[in-house]
Each structure stands twice: as C-alpha cells, then as structure tokens.
Amino acid sequence: MVPQVHTLVCSGNNPVHIPHEWYEPGDLTIGGIVSHIHYIFPSISFQEHPSQVFIPNPMVIRKFYQHILALVFAVDEINQNPRILSNVTLGFHIYDSYSDSKMAYRTTLDLLFKSHHFVPNYICGIQKNIVGVIGGLSSEISSSMADVLGLYKIPQISYGSFEPAINDRSKVASFYRMVPNEDLQYKGIIQLLLHFGWKWVGLITPDNEAGERFIQNIEPILFKNGICSEFTEKSQNNMRFTGSVFDMLGDIRILSPAFMASRANAIVIYGESTSILWLSWAIELHSLLQRISFNNSAGDEITLNEHGKLAAGFDITNLVTFPNNSYVRVKVGRLDPQAPPGKELTINGDKIQWHRAFTQVPPLSLCNANCPPGYEKKKKEGKKFCCYDCDPCPHGMFSNEKGLETCARCPPEQYPNEEQNQCIPKKPHVLGFGETLAIVSTFSALLFSLITAMVLGIFIKHRDTAIVKANNRSLTYILLVSLLLCFLCTLMFIGTPTEATCLLRQTAFGIVFSVALSSILAKTISVVLAFMATKPDSTIRKWVGKKLAYSIVLSCSVIQVGICAFWLATSAPFPDVDMHSMTEEIIFLCNEGSVLMFYAVLGYMGFLAIISFTVAFLARKLPDSFNEAKFITFSMLVFCSVWFSFIPTYLSTRGKYMVAVEIFSILASSAGLLGCIFSPKCYIIVVRPELNNREQLIRRKT
C-alpha cells in the first residue's frame, strides 16, 4: 500500500543542513542521487548531538561530476526536441549521497518531500512531479534509495551494482541497472587473466558489502578456471577507490602489506566506480526501457534487454605511463557479450605498452614457475592448488608442454622417449629371418630335416635287411616322414605372421606330431602283441599284423584332425598385434583365437605321449634283440620332459621369445624321438652290418 502523503504549510528548522543540491523546475522532474562529494562521517557516540560533531571538509571526486553534467545535458536535449516530450518540459532535482548509505536515506527523502523545510511524508509548498529517480553508484546507496522509493512506487534507475533479488522485486516499483551485468564483468576478468596466463593474483576490494560480495562471487570462478588468489585485501579508504588508478595504487602501497610482499604481478582491484553515459537515456522510464536500442549523442548504439539491463560490453584500456607520472589511455581490446561464444574477448597485443619495470612481457604471475615438459604438478601440502612441486612423469607417461597438470599416456603405437617429453613410434617386434635366434632355428630345422631324410634314405635302401623288417617298415617310414615334417613346420613360426601361416602353423604342427606319436604307439603295441602271440594257443595272433598298426595310426590321427578342424571352424587363429605387453615395441603375433582349443591340441598330444610311454615302459623287459621298447621309453621320457617344461616357459615369455620357445620345443622333442629311436638302428645298419641278420635278431640273451 502506498503511504498517504499530506500537503500542509510547513514550518520549523532543518535538523542538519544539506547544501549540495541542483534544481531546475519543469512539468516533469527527474530526480538524481549522485556521489560527487565525499564526507568522512564520524561514528555516532550518542553522547552529544550529531549537529555538534565536527565533520572535516569534504573531498570532491572530479570524475563523477560528469554524471551531473550528463543529466543536465540530457534534460536540455530532451526539452529542445519536441518529438520526445511534446508540450511538456522536463526538469531535474539532484542531491548528493556523499557515498554514505545513511545520507542516501536522507537525500532521497529530501528529493521527495523537501521544499524549504524538511518534513518527511508531507509535501510542503510547491509540488514536484517526480517521475523517476536516477542514481546509486554503490550497492549500499542503491539499496537505501530503493527502501524509500519502493514505498511510494517511484521508478528507480541504478548505475551501480545493486539489484534486488527476484523475490524482493516489490521493494521497488521499477528498477533498472544501467551498467553491464556483473556476470559479464567477472567473465571479462577471468578471460583477461587467462589470456595472459596469470594464475596467481591478488584481490583488493573496498571494505564494504559490495567488496565482500565481489570476493564471494569471484573466488569460485577463479577456482573453476585454475586461478588462485595469493591474498585478499580490503581497503578501509573506500573513497579513494573511486579516484584515479594512481590514487588507488598509492593507497594500496600504504595500506596493504600483503600487496608489498606479494609475488603476484597481476592484481585485481575492484572498486565501485562504474559510470554511465547519462546522455544515452530516452526518458520513458517504464516499459519503454525494455528491449530498446538507440544511438546516444556520441553515436554509440545503446541496447537494453528484456530486464532493462544495459546489453553492452567493456573496453580493455591500457594506461600508458610516462616518466613524469602522467598517462594516456589506449584502447587495446574489447569484451563483447554479443560476440559468438569463445570470441567475446579481443585484444590487440601490439598496442599494449608494458611498464618499464617488467623484464619479461607479458609478465608472469604464477605461484611458481611452470613445470617443464616431462614433469607433472604435485600438490604442496597446506598450500593452494596453484602452488606445486614438479615431479617427473611416471614410467610410460609423458608431458610435452609446460605447466601440464598431469602426464598422459602415449597412443598405443608409441612410447615416451628418455626425457618423457614426447612420444616416438614403437619398433616392430617379430622373430625375423635376419635375427640370430631365427638363423639358429632355421639352421637347426634344416639340419635335422636333412638328418631325418638321410635316415629315411638309409631305411629305404636297406629295406630288405632283418632289422628294418623286424621294426615294421611301414610304421618306420610314416614316423620318419612325420618327423621330417615336424622339423620343417618350425619354419612357419619365423617371420611376420600372415593369415596363411597363422592358420597352418599350430594345426600342422599338432597333426604331424600326432601322426608321429600314434606311429610310435602302434610300433609299441605291435611289439607287445607279437610276443604275446608266441604263446601256445594264443588268441592274439589274429590281431598281429599291418592292419592293426594302420588302424591305430589312422584313428589316433583322425581325432587330432577333428580337433584342429573344429578349431579352425569356430575360432581360427589370425594375425594380430600386441601394443601393451612391451613398452618400446609392437609385438606382431598370431592370435590363437581360442586358447582352449590350442591347449586341447597340446593336451591330446600329451595324452598320446603318456600312453606310448606307459606301454613302452611295461614292455621294456622283453628280449633285447626283438625289442625297441626301451628306446621308445627313453624317447617318450625326453618328449614329455620337453613339453612339460614348455608350458610354464611359454606362458612367461612374450613376443619373439615365446615363438622361439615353441620352436625349440618342437625341435628338441622331434630330435629326441629321432635320436633315441633311430640312432641304434642306424649304427647297426651302417657301422655294424654283421649284426643285421636274422640269426642275431632271434638270439636271446643267455
């Protein structure tokens, strides 16, 4: 409810005389509350009348006189333009708030009710038709004005930083801020600091509500952008914050020990000295101030958004100083809220002239120097996050720029160099034919293949001799051919894996080894059955012969062929690369596809070897002349020892060394079978031919 205003003839004395006012009559009156004059008001002691307290002479802030001149000039321009206010004259009545919130209450009441005498809530003498009030350089002044003007539903336009909360809009009839939004100011400060890489700054504000609010608002934004404040200083001399920059810096040096001891080269000084070009206002103070755009007398476009806020940006100004402490302002950039995202701040670095005292430009403002490449930041206990130690990157990580928070991992195909400041390509890791291991393996495989071929040739040449016939020629040929293929299949393990070699090498190795083992098993079973068939009335005789031996070889081999076929049909091996097992190399390998099937192939071979070993071991005491079971027993012992050692060794190695282990196991086990089974026979055939006759073979030990 609007308070009732009474009209009467006033009499009485002013309790406190306030002389500073500027008045020009008109049909409509614009009120103004400025902060041109500054008094230092003493604290009220309640021990003497306030009018008797001595108040020192005021100080005048010359730069704020522009507010008064701008309003006077704007009113004059409006009165001379009949298109703005037709047949109506505009006047003004300006009071000074003296930069004090208590005096702002008094001068606002004076503006509304004072003529010759001050009687609050009464209109004395001439009536002033106040259509709106402009003013409020600080949040305290704006709030004090709003407390009074809101009661009488008088529009208020503030060019300070105060803005009522949404749930407190009833406090004022109409409230407009005529300066850019504070959020834009914060954004501009942050972007300016980030542009020059200043992460260690000082904050200096007035010791009042506005300064406290600035600290509360700016600190989280600084933290979010990785910026720390070294110190926060609140100046008691609020007036000087509205003076020139040199006045402020002079006061700061005197009043702020933190400033003098600071290592920060960037200081954010917040003062309530935001000014407004009053010439730009069209005087319609209500709905017309929303979403309007016009040019002021300087030719600049002025835009207000739907909330009546000035949709303008900021100029970035460089104060170029001279030896005589004079200076000139040079525009070096702009913060434009209307620009596309990320392009709001524009700075022309060539126009900036840094102070002579700086040895490096732009100057650094950091808690400590940036960590060099190859290092990462480590937080210092008890210090702000901008202060840190520099630790070398962990093993396998790198950093290639200064000041990185943490080190990063290289792409899978690269690894860090020794200095850990860049990534370099990994070298291929494969058992190539030119490496020593490959050369030795190839030579061994070819040598054993040649020996096997020679043994096969000897047995073919002496196929009609007693020792060849007695040891089942067909099984011997099958065993020798399978051993020859075992030696040759190792060559598929050397070189860069291809799709063909990956498909063939494990399956071929598994099948030919199964044929060799099934041949040995058939030979052993044939020997046992032959001796059992010599007993009178034995029913075993019908089982003795080549058919049984061929059946054993064929059935045992077919099972392994089936396992390999199922492996290839369901999850076949394929060429692959391993980028993670080795730091500096990329392993080219054959991915087994299904590890389970790979071990099934090895397991079946092991099963055949154990059965052969068991049968040979049981037949080892048969007469020596007919019996090769002892040699088979020893060869199976060698074979099983090699492959039982292979599994843990294979699993504990990587890359070409894993391939080399498998090649060695194939060569060693095949050579063991060849040497243990065929070396005694070759000795008799080649060296002791006199023993290679039927009489010697049927002679029993005495």
Foldseek 3Di string as FASTA:
>chain_A
DADAFAEDADDDDALADAPDKDWDDWQAEEEEEFQFKAWDQDDDPVPDRSNPDDTDDIDGAVVRVLVVVLVVVLQVVQQVDCVQPPPTHYMYMYGYQNPDLVSLLVVLQCVQANDPYRDGRYHHDDHHNYQAYEEDLEQSSVVSNLQPQLSNQHHYEYQWQHDDDPVCVSSHNHYAHAHAHVVQVLVVVVVVCVVQVAQEEAEEEAPDDRRVVCCVVNQVVSVVSNHDYPYYHHDPCQVQLQHDPVSVVVSCVVPPPCVVPDPFPHYHYDHSNRDHSSQADRPPRPQVLEQDWDAGPVRDIWGAHRSSYTQAWDFDWAWAADPVRHTDIDGFWIQHPVDPPPPRTDGNPVPHDDDPVDPDPPDYGAPDFWAAWQWAWADDPPDDRSDTDTHGAPAQWTAQHTRHHHTHHDPLQWTADPSRNDTDGFAAFAQACPDPLNVVLVVLLVVVLVVLVVLLVLCVVPVVFQVCVLQPVVLVNLLSVLLSQLSVLLNLRHDFDAFVSQQCNLLSNLLSLQLNLLSLLLSLVLLVLVVQVPDPPDPSVVVHDDVVSVVSSVVSSVVSVVLSVVQCVPFQKHWDWDSPPDRRYIFIDIDRRDVVSSVVSVVSSVVSLVSSLVSLVVVVPDFPLSDLSVLSNQLSVQLNVLVVVLVVVLVVDDHNVSSSSVSVSSSRSSVSNCCSRRVVVCCCVPVNVVCRHDVNSPDGDD
